[in-house]
Protein backbone atom coordinates (compact mmCIF):
# COMPACT_ATOMS: atom_id res chain seq x y z
CA MET A 1 5.77 37.74 -1.80
CA ASP A 2 3.03 38.35 -4.34
CA ALA A 3 3.38 42.13 -4.87
CA ARG A 4 0.14 42.51 -6.83
CA LEU A 5 -2.04 40.82 -4.23
CA GLY A 6 0.04 41.78 -1.21
CA LEU A 7 0.35 38.16 -0.05
CA ASP A 8 3.25 36.41 1.58
CA LEU A 9 2.79 32.94 0.10
CA ALA A 10 5.21 31.47 2.63
CA LEU A 11 2.44 31.88 5.20
CA TYR A 12 0.44 29.28 3.28
CA ALA A 13 3.18 26.65 3.04
CA PRO A 14 1.96 23.08 3.69
CA ALA A 15 4.11 22.84 6.81
CA ARG A 16 2.10 25.70 8.31
CA LEU A 17 -1.31 24.37 7.36
CA VAL A 18 -1.00 20.59 7.84
CA GLN A 19 -0.73 19.52 11.46
CA THR A 20 0.12 16.07 12.72
CA ASP A 21 -3.13 15.75 14.65
CA PRO A 22 -3.94 11.98 14.77
CA GLU A 23 -7.71 12.43 14.48
CA ARG A 24 -7.34 14.74 11.51
CA LEU A 25 -4.88 12.42 9.80
CA VAL A 26 -7.23 9.46 10.23
CA ARG A 27 -10.26 11.42 9.06
CA THR A 28 -8.56 12.71 5.91
CA HIS A 29 -7.07 9.35 4.88
CA LEU A 30 -10.05 7.00 5.21
CA ALA A 31 -10.39 6.78 1.44
CA LEU A 32 -6.75 5.70 1.19
CA VAL A 33 -7.50 2.62 3.33
CA ARG A 34 -10.38 1.52 1.07
CA LYS A 35 -8.26 2.09 -2.02
CA ILE A 36 -5.47 -0.12 -0.68
CA ALA A 37 -8.01 -2.70 0.54
CA TRP A 38 -9.57 -3.03 -2.93
CA HIS A 39 -6.14 -3.27 -4.51
CA VAL A 40 -5.12 -6.12 -2.19
CA HIS A 41 -8.54 -7.80 -2.44
CA ALA A 42 -8.26 -7.93 -6.23
CA ARG A 43 -5.27 -10.24 -5.81
CA VAL A 44 -6.61 -12.51 -3.05
CA SER A 45 -10.40 -12.19 -3.22
CA THR A 46 -10.96 -15.86 -2.29
CA ALA A 47 -8.96 -15.59 0.92
CA ILE A 48 -10.55 -12.66 2.73
CA GLU A 49 -13.54 -10.35 2.51
CA ILE A 50 -13.07 -6.72 1.51
CA GLU A 51 -14.57 -5.40 4.74
CA ASP A 52 -12.14 -7.49 6.77
CA LEU A 53 -9.28 -5.85 4.91
CA VAL A 54 -10.79 -2.42 5.52
CA GLN A 55 -11.02 -3.11 9.25
CA ILE A 56 -7.39 -4.25 9.35
CA GLY A 57 -6.39 -1.16 7.42
CA MET A 58 -8.34 1.17 9.71
CA LEU A 59 -6.52 -0.15 12.77
CA ALA A 60 -3.19 0.28 10.99
CA LEU A 61 -4.16 3.82 9.95
CA VAL A 62 -4.95 4.78 13.56
CA GLU A 63 -1.62 3.35 14.73
CA ALA A 64 0.22 5.13 11.92
CA ALA A 65 -1.43 8.46 12.78
CA ARG A 66 -0.48 8.12 16.43
CA GLY A 67 3.13 7.28 15.64
CA PHE A 68 3.71 9.72 12.78
CA GLU A 69 6.16 12.57 13.32
CA ASP A 70 6.19 15.23 10.61
CA ARG A 71 9.85 16.01 10.09
CA GLY A 72 9.46 17.05 6.48
CA HIS A 73 11.02 13.87 5.10
CA ALA A 74 7.88 12.03 3.94
CA ALA A 75 4.20 12.78 3.54
CA PHE A 76 1.84 10.98 5.90
CA ALA A 77 0.04 9.35 2.96
CA THR A 78 3.27 7.63 1.93
CA TYR A 79 3.99 6.51 5.48
CA ALA A 80 0.41 5.30 6.04
CA THR A 81 0.34 3.39 2.74
CA VAL A 82 3.30 1.29 3.83
CA ARG A 83 1.81 0.61 7.27
CA VAL A 84 -1.72 -0.16 6.04
CA ARG A 85 -0.67 -2.43 3.19
CA GLY A 86 1.85 -4.15 5.44
CA SER A 87 -0.83 -4.93 8.04
CA MET A 88 -3.13 -6.38 5.38
CA ILE A 89 -0.37 -8.56 3.95
CA ASP A 90 0.63 -9.74 7.43
CA GLN A 91 -2.97 -10.80 8.13
CA LEU A 92 -3.14 -12.63 4.81
CA ARG A 93 0.04 -14.51 5.65
CA LYS A 94 -1.42 -15.55 9.00
CA SER A 95 -4.71 -16.61 7.44
CA ALA A 96 -3.03 -18.50 4.61
CA THR A 97 -2.65 -21.59 6.81
CA LEU A 98 -6.38 -22.04 7.42
CA VAL A 99 -7.60 -25.28 5.89
CA ARG A 100 -10.03 -25.05 3.01
CA SER A 101 -12.98 -26.25 5.08
CA ALA A 102 -12.35 -23.55 7.67
CA ILE A 103 -12.18 -20.89 4.97
CA ARG A 104 -15.50 -22.08 3.51
CA ARG A 105 -17.04 -22.12 6.99
CA ARG A 106 -15.79 -18.63 7.70
CA ARG A 107 -17.32 -17.37 4.46
CA GLU A 108 -20.59 -19.10 5.30
CA PHE A 109 -20.67 -17.50 8.75
CA GLY A 110 -19.91 -14.12 7.19
CA GLN A 111 -22.80 -14.43 4.74
CA VAL A 112 -25.20 -15.45 7.50
CA LYS A 113 -24.02 -12.58 9.66
CA SER A 114 -24.49 -10.08 6.83
CA GLY A 115 -28.00 -11.38 6.18
CA LEU A 116 -28.99 -11.11 9.83
CA GLU A 117 -27.52 -7.63 10.07
CA GLY A 118 -29.68 -6.58 7.14
CA LEU A 119 -32.81 -8.01 8.80
CA LEU A 120 -32.10 -6.88 12.36
CA GLY A 121 -30.39 -3.59 11.69
CA ARG A 122 -27.61 -4.54 14.12
CA ALA A 123 -24.95 -7.18 14.68
CA PRO A 124 -26.52 -10.56 15.51
CA THR A 125 -25.84 -12.29 18.81
CA ASP A 126 -24.24 -15.72 19.09
CA GLU A 127 -27.65 -17.18 19.91
CA GLU A 128 -29.19 -15.71 16.75
CA MET A 129 -26.29 -16.92 14.62
CA ALA A 130 -26.52 -20.40 16.11
CA GLU A 131 -30.27 -20.57 15.47
CA LYS A 132 -29.85 -19.50 11.85
CA LEU A 133 -27.11 -22.10 11.32
CA GLU A 134 -29.12 -24.78 13.13
CA LEU A 135 -26.36 -25.28 15.71
CA THR A 136 -26.21 -25.08 19.46
CA VAL A 137 -24.64 -21.92 20.84
CA ALA A 138 -21.66 -23.91 22.14
CA ALA A 139 -21.16 -25.65 18.80
CA PHE A 140 -21.34 -22.35 16.94
CA ARG A 141 -18.77 -20.74 19.19
CA ILE A 142 -16.38 -23.65 18.80
CA ALA A 143 -16.80 -23.66 15.01
CA ASN A 144 -16.46 -19.88 14.81
CA ASN A 145 -13.28 -19.94 16.90
CA ALA A 146 -11.87 -22.65 14.65
CA THR A 147 -12.23 -20.42 11.60
CA GLN A 148 -10.11 -17.79 13.30
CA ALA A 149 -7.23 -20.11 14.15
CA VAL A 150 -3.88 -19.16 12.69
CA ARG A 151 -0.46 -20.74 12.53
CA TYR A 152 2.82 -18.86 12.20
CA GLU A 153 5.44 -19.94 9.70
CA SER A 154 8.87 -18.70 8.80
CA ILE A 155 8.76 -16.14 6.01
CA ASP A 156 11.64 -17.98 4.34
CA ASP A 157 9.50 -21.13 4.13
CA VAL A 158 6.44 -19.54 2.55
CA TYR A 159 7.97 -16.82 0.38
CA SER A 160 7.69 -17.20 -3.37
CA ASP A 161 8.53 -14.79 -6.18
CA HIS A 162 5.41 -16.00 -7.99
CA SER A 163 2.98 -15.48 -5.08
CA GLU A 164 0.45 -12.67 -5.44
CA TRP A 165 0.69 -12.04 -1.69
CA PHE A 166 4.32 -10.99 -1.99
CA ALA A 167 3.94 -9.01 -5.20
CA ASP A 168 5.37 -5.49 -5.16
CA ASP A 169 2.87 -2.89 -6.31
CA ALA A 170 5.42 -0.07 -6.29
CA PRO A 171 5.47 1.90 -9.57
CA ASP A 172 8.04 0.74 -12.10
CA ALA A 173 10.40 2.94 -14.09
CA PHE A 174 7.82 3.56 -16.83
CA ASP A 175 5.19 4.64 -14.27
CA ASN A 176 7.66 6.98 -12.58
CA LEU A 177 8.59 8.53 -15.92
CA ALA A 178 4.95 8.98 -16.92
CA ARG A 179 4.15 10.56 -13.57
CA ALA A 180 7.10 12.93 -13.84
CA ASN A 181 6.03 13.94 -17.34
CA LEU A 182 2.47 14.54 -16.17
CA LYS A 183 3.64 16.66 -13.23
CA ARG A 184 5.81 18.70 -15.58
CA ALA A 185 2.91 19.19 -18.00
CA ILE A 186 0.59 20.28 -15.19
CA SER A 187 3.22 22.64 -13.77
CA ASN A 188 3.73 24.26 -17.16
CA ALA A 189 -0.02 24.57 -17.74
CA VAL A 190 -0.56 26.15 -14.31
CA GLY A 191 2.30 28.55 -14.99
CA ASP A 192 0.47 29.81 -18.09
CA LEU A 193 -2.70 30.62 -16.13
CA PRO A 194 -3.53 34.13 -14.94
CA GLU A 195 -1.92 34.75 -11.56
CA ARG A 196 -5.16 34.76 -9.55
CA GLU A 197 -6.39 31.51 -11.10
CA ALA A 198 -3.05 29.83 -10.41
CA LEU A 199 -3.14 31.07 -6.82
CA VAL A 200 -6.67 29.72 -6.27
CA LEU A 201 -5.61 26.28 -7.49
CA GLN A 202 -2.50 26.42 -5.26
CA LEU A 203 -4.51 27.31 -2.16
CA TYR A 204 -7.27 24.79 -2.90
CA TYR A 205 -5.34 21.69 -3.98
CA VAL A 206 -1.91 22.13 -2.39
CA GLU A 207 -2.69 24.06 0.78
CA GLU A 208 -6.07 22.29 1.20
CA MET A 209 -7.98 25.49 1.98
CA ASN A 210 -11.72 25.56 1.35
CA LEU A 211 -13.55 28.12 -0.79
CA GLU A 212 -14.50 30.28 2.20
CA GLU A 213 -10.90 30.46 3.42
CA ILE A 214 -9.57 31.30 -0.05
CA GLY A 215 -12.25 33.98 -0.37
CA GLN A 216 -11.02 35.57 2.85
CA VAL A 217 -7.46 35.59 1.54
CA LEU A 218 -8.44 37.21 -1.76
CA ASP A 219 -11.20 39.34 -0.23
CA VAL A 220 -13.97 37.96 -2.45
CA GLY A 221 -16.93 35.68 -1.87
CA ALA A 222 -16.84 31.88 -1.98
CA ALA A 223 -19.09 31.90 -5.06
CA ARG A 224 -16.52 33.98 -6.93
CA ILE A 225 -13.72 31.64 -5.85
CA CYS A 226 -15.78 28.74 -7.20
CA GLN A 227 -16.08 30.51 -10.56
CA ILE A 228 -12.35 31.21 -10.69
CA LYS A 229 -11.52 27.60 -9.85
CA LYS A 230 -13.93 26.28 -12.47
CA SER A 231 -12.46 28.58 -15.12
CA ALA A 232 -8.90 27.56 -14.22
CA LEU A 233 -9.70 23.85 -14.35
CA GLY A 234 -11.38 24.27 -17.71
CA LYS A 235 -8.26 25.90 -19.12
CA LEU A 236 -6.04 23.20 -17.64
CA ARG A 237 -8.12 20.41 -19.16
CA ALA A 238 -7.96 22.09 -22.56
CA ARG A 239 -4.18 22.58 -22.39
CA LEU A 240 -3.47 19.08 -21.08
CA GLU A 241 -5.61 17.30 -23.65
CA GLY A 242 -3.37 14.90 -25.51
CA TRP A 243 -0.32 15.86 -23.43
CA ASP A 244 1.04 12.29 -23.66
CA ASP A 245 0.69 11.92 -27.42
């Protein structure tokens, strides 16, 4: 209970505010999919296009949101990261057996498709793709299907400690220590802020309330909440400058 403001902060606990609504979870974690996609693409950029990875990740995100049960053991972002990255890696393993010519053909088809989409403002039909590639429609469909062919192999046969596809991007001990030190520094800096400024940051960043909602809690306008937040962040930046020196 905050005696000065008359607030029961337990009412604003994350468990009360964050609901396991699949549509909301998907909508609020779209950026996470692109982040993971770019991270994976940086390792295997010659094997798959970034947008293909994003599409794979989006499907995995939807499935993760539908299957997630909030029991207080793990945040959805952590759960979704494992599912999304795992789906991307699985697709890369399946695609790894495509012959080089098929990979080149797939990239060629992708470039032609992107060009036609830019000109037409929509996805091109098979007939339009075939015409652009100077192929018959039947030949294009056969060639396009060939680029999608996959072959399954035992993980024991293809696994390698030196392969980028099996690299573990989990933080190492140094990263964990640095993150813990940063969290401690932020916590200490927030603790030194005036109570109202600290509360605004708590409600905005932890409880994910918007300025209007925070204004209703503190009985002030959204513009004033914006000023308080800006002032608090300025003080935090000043106090955290050079924290890791």
